[in-house]
Protein backbone atom coordinates (compact mmCIF):
# COMPACT_ATOMS: atom_id res chain seq x y z
CA VAL A 1 0.00 0.00 0.00
CA SER A 2 1.03 3.62 -0.31
CA GLY A 3 3.68 4.42 2.30
CA ASP A 4 5.12 0.90 2.40
CA ALA A 5 8.90 0.60 2.55
CA ILE A 6 11.40 -2.12 1.68
CA THR A 7 15.08 -2.45 2.47
CA VAL A 8 17.31 -3.22 -0.51
CA HIS A 9 20.79 -4.64 0.21
CA ASN A 10 23.53 -4.51 -2.41
CA GLY A 11 26.01 -6.59 -0.40
CA THR A 12 27.70 -3.53 1.08
CA LYS A 13 24.95 -1.29 2.40
CA ALA A 14 21.20 -1.27 3.08
CA TYR A 15 18.93 1.31 1.42
CA GLU A 16 15.30 2.10 2.24
CA PHE A 17 12.98 2.38 -0.76
CA THR A 18 9.38 3.64 -0.41
CA THR A 19 6.29 3.63 -2.61
CA THR A 20 3.22 5.74 -3.17
CA ASP A 21 1.52 2.92 -5.12
CA SER A 22 -1.02 0.36 -3.98
CA GLY A 23 -1.85 -2.99 -5.55
CA ARG A 24 -0.27 -6.29 -6.54
CA SER A 25 2.79 -4.48 -7.90
CA ALA A 26 4.39 -1.18 -6.97
CA LYS A 27 7.30 1.05 -7.93
CA PHE A 28 9.69 1.77 -5.04
CA SER A 29 12.19 4.60 -5.09
CA TYR A 30 15.24 5.77 -3.12
CA THR A 31 15.86 9.48 -2.70
CA GLY A 32 19.68 9.37 -2.53
CA ASN A 33 22.20 9.18 -5.40
CA ASP A 34 24.67 6.64 -3.97
CA PHE A 35 22.82 3.41 -4.81
CA SER A 36 24.57 0.92 -7.07
CA GLY A 37 25.19 -2.79 -7.56
CA ASP A 38 24.25 -5.77 -9.71
CA LYS A 39 22.98 -8.27 -7.10
CA PHE A 40 20.36 -7.37 -4.52
CA PHE A 41 18.37 -8.73 -1.62
CA ALA A 42 15.14 -6.91 -0.81
CA VAL A 43 13.21 -7.37 2.43
CA TYR A 44 9.64 -6.35 3.25
CA PRO A 45 8.91 -4.61 5.53
CA ALA A 46 11.93 -2.31 5.80
CA GLY A 47 14.10 -2.70 8.87
CA ASP A 48 17.44 -3.85 10.20
CA HIS A 49 18.56 -7.14 8.66
CA VAL A 50 21.73 -9.18 8.28
CA VAL A 51 22.32 -10.26 4.68
CA ASP A 52 24.76 -12.82 3.33
CA MET A 53 24.82 -12.34 -0.43
CA THR A 54 27.13 -15.32 -1.01
CA ASN A 55 24.86 -17.84 0.72
CA LYS A 56 21.69 -15.90 -0.12
CA THR A 57 20.42 -15.64 3.46
CA VAL A 58 18.60 -12.88 5.32
CA THR A 59 18.36 -12.69 9.11
CA ALA A 60 15.27 -10.73 10.14
CA ASN A 61 12.56 -10.85 12.81
CA ILE A 62 9.00 -12.16 13.09
CA PRO A 63 7.60 -10.42 16.18
CA THR A 64 6.35 -12.52 19.06
CA TRP A 65 3.90 -9.76 20.04
CA GLN A 66 1.79 -8.42 17.17
CA GLN A 67 -0.93 -5.76 17.20
CA ALA A 68 -4.35 -6.85 15.94
CA GLN A 69 -5.68 -5.19 12.78
CA ILE A 70 -9.18 -5.95 11.52
CA GLY A 71 -9.07 -7.96 8.30
CA THR A 72 -5.29 -8.06 7.94
CA TYR A 73 -1.96 -8.48 9.73
CA ASP A 74 0.03 -5.68 11.32
CA ASN A 75 2.94 -4.39 9.25
CA ALA A 76 2.57 -0.75 10.20
CA ASN A 77 3.48 -1.10 13.89
CA THR A 78 5.02 -4.46 14.72
CA LYS A 79 6.05 -5.35 11.13
CA ALA A 80 4.55 -8.82 11.43
CA ALA A 81 4.71 -10.51 8.02
CA LEU A 82 8.06 -11.04 6.32
CA ALA A 83 8.83 -11.35 2.61
CA VAL A 84 12.14 -11.45 0.74
CA ALA A 85 13.33 -11.22 -2.85
CA TYR A 86 16.63 -11.76 -4.65
CA SER A 87 17.28 -10.06 -7.96
CA GLU A 88 20.06 -9.14 -10.37
CA ASN A 89 18.02 -6.34 -11.98
CA ASP A 90 15.33 -3.87 -10.89
CA VAL A 91 12.44 -6.38 -10.68
CA PHE A 92 11.82 -8.09 -7.33
CA ALA A 93 9.42 -11.04 -6.99
CA PHE A 94 8.81 -11.19 -3.24
CA LYS A 95 8.28 -14.55 -1.54
CA ASN A 96 6.42 -14.78 1.76
CA ALA A 97 8.57 -16.18 4.58
CA THR A 98 5.64 -16.43 6.97
CA ALA A 99 2.40 -18.35 7.21
CA LEU A 100 -0.79 -16.57 8.27
CA LEU A 101 -3.28 -17.84 10.85
CA LYS A 102 -6.78 -16.53 10.14
CA PHE A 103 -9.58 -16.50 12.71
CA THR A 104 -12.78 -14.75 13.77
CA VAL A 105 -13.35 -13.71 17.39
CA ASN A 106 -16.82 -14.51 18.72
CA THR A 107 -16.37 -13.62 22.40
CA ASP A 108 -16.70 -10.30 24.22
CA ASN A 109 -13.87 -8.51 26.07
CA VAL A 110 -10.99 -10.43 24.45
CA THR A 111 -7.75 -8.44 24.81
CA ASN A 112 -5.16 -11.03 23.68
CA VAL A 113 -5.02 -14.15 21.51
CA VAL A 114 -2.14 -16.60 22.10
CA PHE A 115 -1.09 -19.44 19.75
CA HIS A 116 1.56 -22.10 20.40
CA GLY A 117 2.57 -25.58 19.36
CA ASN A 118 2.04 -28.29 21.97
CA ASN A 119 5.65 -29.44 21.64
CA SER A 120 7.20 -25.95 22.01
CA GLU A 121 8.05 -25.52 18.33
CA ALA A 122 9.76 -22.23 17.42
CA ILE A 123 7.57 -19.85 15.39
CA THR A 124 8.67 -16.26 16.14
CA GLY A 125 11.70 -14.12 16.94
CA ASN A 126 14.87 -13.84 14.90
CA VAL A 127 14.81 -16.01 11.78
CA LYS A 128 17.27 -16.88 9.03
CA VAL A 129 15.65 -17.11 5.61
CA THR A 130 17.55 -19.01 2.90
CA PHE A 131 16.80 -18.28 -0.74
CA GLY A 132 17.52 -20.49 -3.74
CA ASN A 133 16.16 -21.25 -7.22
CA ASN A 134 13.89 -18.20 -7.01
CA ALA A 135 12.18 -19.55 -3.88
CA ILE A 136 12.56 -19.68 -0.12
CA THR A 137 14.19 -23.00 0.77
CA SER A 138 14.12 -22.69 4.58
CA VAL A 139 13.10 -20.46 7.48
CA GLU A 140 15.06 -21.21 10.66
CA CYS A 141 14.14 -19.69 14.03
CA LEU A 142 17.17 -18.44 15.98
CA ASP A 143 17.84 -17.47 19.58
CA THR A 144 16.13 -14.21 20.52
CA GLU A 145 16.29 -11.86 23.50
CA PHE A 146 13.08 -11.86 25.53
CA PRO A 147 12.50 -9.59 28.55
CA SER A 148 11.96 -11.55 31.78
CA GLY A 149 11.38 -9.26 34.74
CA GLU A 150 14.62 -7.37 35.25
CA ASN A 151 16.59 -9.89 33.20
CA VAL A 152 16.74 -11.04 29.58
CA GLU A 153 16.24 -14.63 28.48
CA ILE A 154 17.95 -15.96 25.37
CA LYS A 155 15.70 -18.55 23.73
CA LYS A 156 13.62 -19.30 20.66
CA GLY A 157 10.13 -17.81 20.32
CA THR A 158 7.80 -20.77 20.86
CA TRP A 159 4.57 -18.74 20.92
CA VAL A 160 2.92 -15.71 19.35
CA GLU A 161 0.57 -13.24 21.03
CA LEU A 162 -1.80 -10.89 19.20
CA TYR A 163 -2.93 -7.94 21.32
CA ALA A 164 -5.91 -5.72 20.59
CA TYR A 165 -5.27 -2.60 22.60
CA HIS A 166 -4.46 0.47 20.53
CA ASP A 167 -5.84 2.93 23.08
CA ASP A 168 -8.62 3.11 25.70
CA ASP A 169 -11.29 3.12 22.99
CA HIS A 170 -9.83 0.12 21.15
CA LYS A 171 -8.65 -2.32 23.80
CA TYR A 172 -10.75 -5.34 22.75
CA PHE A 173 -10.98 -7.52 19.67
CA VAL A 174 -14.16 -6.64 17.80
CA LYS A 175 -16.63 -9.50 18.08
CA GLY A 176 -17.43 -10.97 14.68
CA GLU A 177 -14.34 -9.54 12.94
CA THR A 178 -11.51 -11.49 11.31
CA TYR A 179 -7.82 -11.18 12.21
CA TYR A 180 -4.48 -12.63 11.09
CA ILE A 181 -1.32 -13.74 12.90
CA ALA A 182 2.05 -14.18 11.14
CA ILE A 183 4.29 -17.09 12.17
CA ALA A 184 7.33 -18.91 10.83
CA PRO A 185 6.60 -22.20 9.05
CA ASN A 186 7.06 -25.33 11.16
CA THR A 187 5.54 -28.72 11.90
CA PHE A 188 3.57 -29.04 15.13
CA THR A 189 4.23 -32.67 15.98
CA LYS A 190 1.78 -32.77 18.89
CA GLY A 191 -0.72 -30.26 17.55
CA ALA A 192 -1.34 -26.69 18.63
CA THR A 193 -3.46 -24.60 20.99
CA VAL A 194 -5.23 -21.22 20.87
CA LYS A 195 -5.91 -19.26 24.06
CA PHE A 196 -7.71 -16.02 24.95
CA LYS A 197 -7.02 -13.46 27.62
CA ILE A 198 -10.32 -11.93 28.78
CA ASP A 199 -9.84 -8.37 30.05
CA GLY A 200 -6.11 -9.04 30.16
CA GLY A 201 -6.47 -11.85 32.70
CA SER A 202 -5.04 -15.34 32.75
CA GLU A 203 -4.92 -17.40 29.56
CA VAL A 204 -7.94 -19.65 28.93
CA GLU A 205 -7.92 -22.43 26.36
CA VAL A 206 -10.23 -21.89 23.39
CA LYS A 207 -9.21 -24.49 20.81
CA THR A 208 -6.68 -27.31 20.72
CA THR A 209 -5.72 -30.36 18.70
CA SER A 210 -3.16 -33.13 19.14
CA LYS A 211 -2.91 -33.86 15.40
CA ASN A 212 0.35 -33.41 13.56
CA ILE A 213 0.10 -30.12 11.64
CA GLU A 214 2.52 -28.93 8.96
CA VAL A 215 2.43 -25.17 8.47
CA LYS A 216 4.06 -23.86 5.28
CA ALA A 217 5.15 -20.37 4.29
CA ASN A 218 3.00 -18.40 1.85
CA THR A 219 -0.16 -20.17 3.09
CA ILE A 220 -3.20 -19.00 5.07
CA TYR A 221 -4.59 -21.41 7.68
CA ASN A 222 -8.15 -20.75 8.81
CA LEU A 223 -8.66 -21.46 12.52
CA GLY A 224 -12.35 -20.67 12.14
CA GLU A 225 -14.60 -19.00 14.68
CA LEU A 226 -13.07 -18.83 18.16
CA THR A 227 -15.50 -18.81 21.07
CA TYR A 228 -14.95 -19.10 24.80
CA THR A 229 -17.65 -19.82 27.36
CA ALA A 230 -16.63 -19.61 30.99
CA PRO A 231 -17.42 -22.78 32.95
CA GLU A 232 -20.25 -22.66 35.47
CA PRO A 233 -18.93 -22.22 39.03
CA GLU A 234 -18.94 -25.29 41.22
CA PRO A 235 -21.83 -25.29 43.76
CA PHE A 236 -20.96 -24.80 47.41
CA VAL A 237 -21.47 -27.94 49.49
CA PHE A 238 -21.85 -27.61 53.28
CA ASP A 239 -21.26 -30.51 55.67
CA TRP A 240 -23.57 -30.26 58.69
CA GLY A 241 -22.91 -31.92 62.05
CA LEU A 242 -23.71 -31.72 65.76
CA VAL A 243 -21.30 -29.96 68.04
CA GLY A 244 -21.11 -30.71 71.77
CA GLU A 245 -22.85 -33.30 73.95
CA HIS A 246 -25.57 -35.49 72.47
CA GLN A 247 -27.72 -34.85 75.57
CA GLY A 248 -29.30 -38.27 75.69
CA TRP A 249 -29.80 -38.71 71.96
CA ASP A 250 -29.28 -42.25 70.74
CA ILE A 251 -26.48 -41.67 68.24
CA THR A 252 -26.60 -45.33 67.14
CA ASN A 253 -30.24 -44.89 66.09
CA PRO A 254 -30.72 -41.24 65.32
């Protein structure tokens, strides 16, 4: 869309190109006069990346926390979906490095949606994308820094969390609307689980499966309509008994 930006690497330096076009193709331009080269890696969206032109790899990031956008994924704020292209001219055919999870929220007061594999498969964080034969050949999740209280944990991102709150007037998912989450491709050997946070509280399970699921890049997976109904509270049960002397009562034949 208009305002989108890509980073083009020439093997020596990274340049940010922007567009005012919208549609399936767009013309991107760079305002400086120092751009040159004959082999290029382009990454969408623009950002800081590590590029190895010899091995045709790009190290980028798929965010673990993504902001919900009705009807699409978030590339304006958290830069969720990742696409790369290799070219030796001025035409770039971008290939999606992420898969998209599509779902509709059918519960009130949902502030967060969490997705994870049941065998702790890596799906977010720093990733290395390898390109070959005009296609992505692999997407490998790498160690990533995650805040943990006052410390930082170094680990792979084994979950993704979509949050709704933009401001006080937009802090919930809109009931009946469709959303998308971007994740790295992987195989969930023990299935996967979706959870809600209601009013920012504890996670509650909404949908789960134990089936082996292969998730591929450049593919949309429809999780369907997600609904959560809180369980009915357990009834209180009181045990009654006599306290004190039986005062002549026959306790063997009450």
